Structures are given as C-alpha cells and as structure tokens.
Amino acid sequence: NALWIPGSDHASIATEVKVVEKIRKEEGLEKEDLGREEFLKRVWDWKEEFGGKITQQCRKLGDSCDWEKERFTMDEGCNKAVKEFFVRLY
C-alpha cells in the first residue's frame, strides 16, 4: 500500500500564455499594461476558474487519492519549502 497525495504544478509558462491571451482578447491590453500585482491577481483568478479541471478528471477516472491532502506547487507550504531549499543548496 502506498499513500497517493494528489497535486498539480503551476505550469507557469503555459498559464502565463493563457492569461495573456485572455487579457488581449477581452481587454486589448498587454501583460505589461497591468503591472506585476494586477497580472498576478489575474493569474490566480484564472487558476481558480480552471485549476480544478484536472482534479475533476482524476476523480471521474476513479483515482484513489487522499483528496484531503491535495497540494498545489504555489501553495504557501510548497512555495516556502522551495525557497528554503534553494537558499540552502545555492
């Protein structure tokens, strides 16, 4: 028996492309027009809207995971661990 903790990666380049395309199409703006904070807000909004689709698909397929422990690479705990180990190993 093994514990399967489900999780998803932030896929930063692919996500950025989708958000930039959406901003161009809907508002006629470029990423730089928004500034860093507003652009990041839009990325998090996009993630909230579309990020659960992979989880939904896995559940429909019957994946036997501990869904209460689901993780995302940009969650506070994961992000903190990456930064800490980057500093240690650098």
C-alpha atoms as a PDB file:
ATOM      1  CA  ASN A   1       0.000   0.000   0.000  1.00  0.00           C
ATOM      2  CA  ALA A   2       1.149   3.497  -0.775  1.00  0.00           C
ATOM      3  CA  LEU A   3      -0.296   6.885   0.020  1.00  0.00           C
ATOM      4  CA  TRP A   4      -1.047   8.858  -3.133  1.00  0.00           C
ATOM      5  CA  ILE A   5      -1.128  12.566  -2.391  1.00  0.00           C
ATOM      6  CA  PRO A   6      -2.667  14.313  -5.393  1.00  0.00           C
ATOM      7  CA  GLY A   7      -1.224  17.550  -6.626  1.00  0.00           C
ATOM      8  CA  SER A   8      -0.773  19.843  -9.558  1.00  0.00           C
ATOM      9  CA  ASP A   9       2.014  22.002 -10.880  1.00  0.00           C
ATOM     10  CA  HIS A  10       1.552  25.693 -11.589  1.00  0.00           C
ATOM     11  CA  ALA A  11       2.722  25.286 -15.219  1.00  0.00           C
ATOM     12  CA  SER A  12       3.882  28.882 -15.198  1.00  0.00           C
ATOM     13  CA  ILE A  13       4.679  29.368 -18.886  1.00  0.00           C
ATOM     14  CA  ALA A  14       1.508  27.677 -20.143  1.00  0.00           C
ATOM     15  CA  THR A  15      -0.604  29.545 -17.589  1.00  0.00           C
ATOM     16  CA  GLU A  16       1.014  32.858 -18.462  1.00  0.00           C
ATOM     17  CA  VAL A  17       0.267  32.306 -22.162  1.00  0.00           C
ATOM     18  CA  LYS A  18      -3.407  31.587 -21.437  1.00  0.00           C
ATOM     19  CA  VAL A  19      -3.805  34.625 -19.190  1.00  0.00           C
ATOM     20  CA  VAL A  20      -2.026  36.941 -21.657  1.00  0.00           C
ATOM     21  CA  GLU A  21      -4.261  35.655 -24.487  1.00  0.00           C
ATOM     22  CA  LYS A  22      -7.368  36.252 -22.381  1.00  0.00           C
ATOM     23  CA  ILE A  23      -6.308  39.814 -21.475  1.00  0.00           C
ATOM     24  CA  ARG A  24      -5.546  40.625 -25.136  1.00  0.00           C
ATOM     25  CA  LYS A  25      -8.821  39.179 -26.393  1.00  0.00           C
ATOM     26  CA  GLU A  26     -11.119  40.628 -23.729  1.00  0.00           C
ATOM     27  CA  GLU A  27      -9.420  43.947 -22.957  1.00  0.00           C
ATOM     28  CA  GLY A  28      -6.979  44.664 -25.765  1.00  0.00           C
ATOM     29  CA  LEU A  29      -4.177  45.015 -23.210  1.00  0.00           C
ATOM     30  CA  GLU A  30      -0.719  43.533 -22.813  1.00  0.00           C
ATOM     31  CA  LYS A  31       0.655  41.957 -19.659  1.00  0.00           C
ATOM     32  CA  GLU A  32       2.929  44.957 -19.075  1.00  0.00           C
ATOM     33  CA  ASP A  33      -0.074  47.317 -19.145  1.00  0.00           C
ATOM     34  CA  LEU A  34      -1.386  45.725 -15.954  1.00  0.00           C
ATOM     35  CA  GLY A  35       1.734  45.796 -13.787  1.00  0.00           C
ATOM     36  CA  ARG A  36       3.046  42.873 -11.753  1.00  0.00           C
ATOM     37  CA  GLU A  37       0.495  42.801  -8.923  1.00  0.00           C
ATOM     38  CA  GLU A  38      -2.576  43.066 -11.159  1.00  0.00           C
ATOM     39  CA  PHE A  39      -1.196  40.467 -13.569  1.00  0.00           C
ATOM     40  CA  LEU A  40      -0.542  38.036 -10.699  1.00  0.00           C
ATOM     41  CA  LYS A  41      -4.091  38.621  -9.470  1.00  0.00           C
ATOM     42  CA  ARG A  42      -5.381  37.696 -12.934  1.00  0.00           C
ATOM     43  CA  VAL A  43      -3.242  34.538 -12.917  1.00  0.00           C
ATOM     44  CA  TRP A  44      -4.680  33.476  -9.546  1.00  0.00           C
ATOM     45  CA  ASP A  45      -8.213  34.245 -10.823  1.00  0.00           C
ATOM     46  CA  TRP A  46      -7.549  32.060 -13.874  1.00  0.00           C
ATOM     47  CA  LYS A  47      -6.211  29.279 -11.653  1.00  0.00           C
ATOM     48  CA  GLU A  48      -9.357  29.423  -9.505  1.00  0.00           C
ATOM     49  CA  GLU A  49     -11.531  29.167 -12.604  1.00  0.00           C
ATOM     50  CA  PHE A  50      -9.659  26.415 -14.468  1.00  0.00           C
ATOM     51  CA  GLY A  51      -7.285  24.765 -11.978  1.00  0.00           C
ATOM     52  CA  GLY A  52      -9.774  22.227 -10.693  1.00  0.00           C
ATOM     53  CA  LYS A  53     -10.385  20.593 -14.063  1.00  0.00           C
ATOM     54  CA  ILE A  54      -7.501  18.119 -13.716  1.00  0.00           C
ATOM     55  CA  THR A  55      -8.693  17.157 -10.238  1.00  0.00           C
ATOM     56  CA  GLN A  56     -12.240  16.663 -11.542  1.00  0.00           C
ATOM     57  CA  GLN A  57     -10.952  14.445 -14.349  1.00  0.00           C
ATOM     58  CA  CYS A  58      -8.857  12.347 -11.948  1.00  0.00           C
ATOM     59  CA  ARG A  59     -11.833  11.883  -9.642  1.00  0.00           C
ATOM     60  CA  LYS A  60     -14.058  10.830 -12.552  1.00  0.00           C
ATOM     61  CA  LEU A  61     -11.432   8.282 -13.575  1.00  0.00           C
ATOM     62  CA  GLY A  62     -11.598   6.858 -10.053  1.00  0.00           C
ATOM     63  CA  ASP A  63      -8.097   7.783  -8.902  1.00  0.00           C
ATOM     64  CA  SER A  64      -7.696   6.516  -5.355  1.00  0.00           C
ATOM     65  CA  CYS A  65      -6.055   9.501  -3.688  1.00  0.00           C
ATOM     66  CA  ASP A  66      -6.288  11.131  -0.304  1.00  0.00           C
ATOM     67  CA  TRP A  67      -8.117  14.181  -1.680  1.00  0.00           C
ATOM     68  CA  GLU A  68      -7.970  15.924   1.697  1.00  0.00           C
ATOM     69  CA  LYS A  69      -4.194  16.278   1.224  1.00  0.00           C
ATOM     70  CA  GLU A  70      -4.246  17.714  -2.303  1.00  0.00           C
ATOM     71  CA  ARG A  71      -1.340  20.107  -2.982  1.00  0.00           C
ATOM     72  CA  PHE A  72      -0.522  22.823  -5.494  1.00  0.00           C
ATOM     73  CA  THR A  73       3.055  23.891  -6.203  1.00  0.00           C
ATOM     74  CA  MET A  74       2.338  27.539  -5.426  1.00  0.00           C
ATOM     75  CA  ASP A  75       0.597  26.838  -2.114  1.00  0.00           C
ATOM     76  CA  GLU A  76       2.266  28.560   0.811  1.00  0.00           C
ATOM     77  CA  GLY A  77       3.839  25.388   2.212  1.00  0.00           C
ATOM     78  CA  CYS A  78       5.274  24.208  -1.112  1.00  0.00           C
ATOM     79  CA  ASN A  79       6.481  27.677  -2.037  1.00  0.00           C
ATOM     80  CA  LYS A  80       8.206  28.117   1.321  1.00  0.00           C
ATOM     81  CA  ALA A  81       9.948  24.729   1.029  1.00  0.00           C
ATOM     82  CA  VAL A  82      11.246  25.512  -2.466  1.00  0.00           C
ATOM     83  CA  LYS A  83      12.649  28.867  -1.358  1.00  0.00           C
ATOM     84  CA  GLU A  84      14.252  27.368   1.746  1.00  0.00           C
ATOM     85  CA  PHE A  85      15.972  24.560  -0.163  1.00  0.00           C
ATOM     86  CA  PHE A  86      17.046  26.868  -2.970  1.00  0.00           C
ATOM     87  CA  VAL A  87      18.840  29.050  -0.425  1.00  0.00           C
ATOM     88  CA  ARG A  88      20.366  26.013   1.317  1.00  0.00           C
ATOM     89  CA  LEU A  89      21.628  24.417  -1.877  1.00  0.00           C
ATOM     90  CA  TYR A  90      22.716  27.616  -3.585  1.00  0.00           C
END
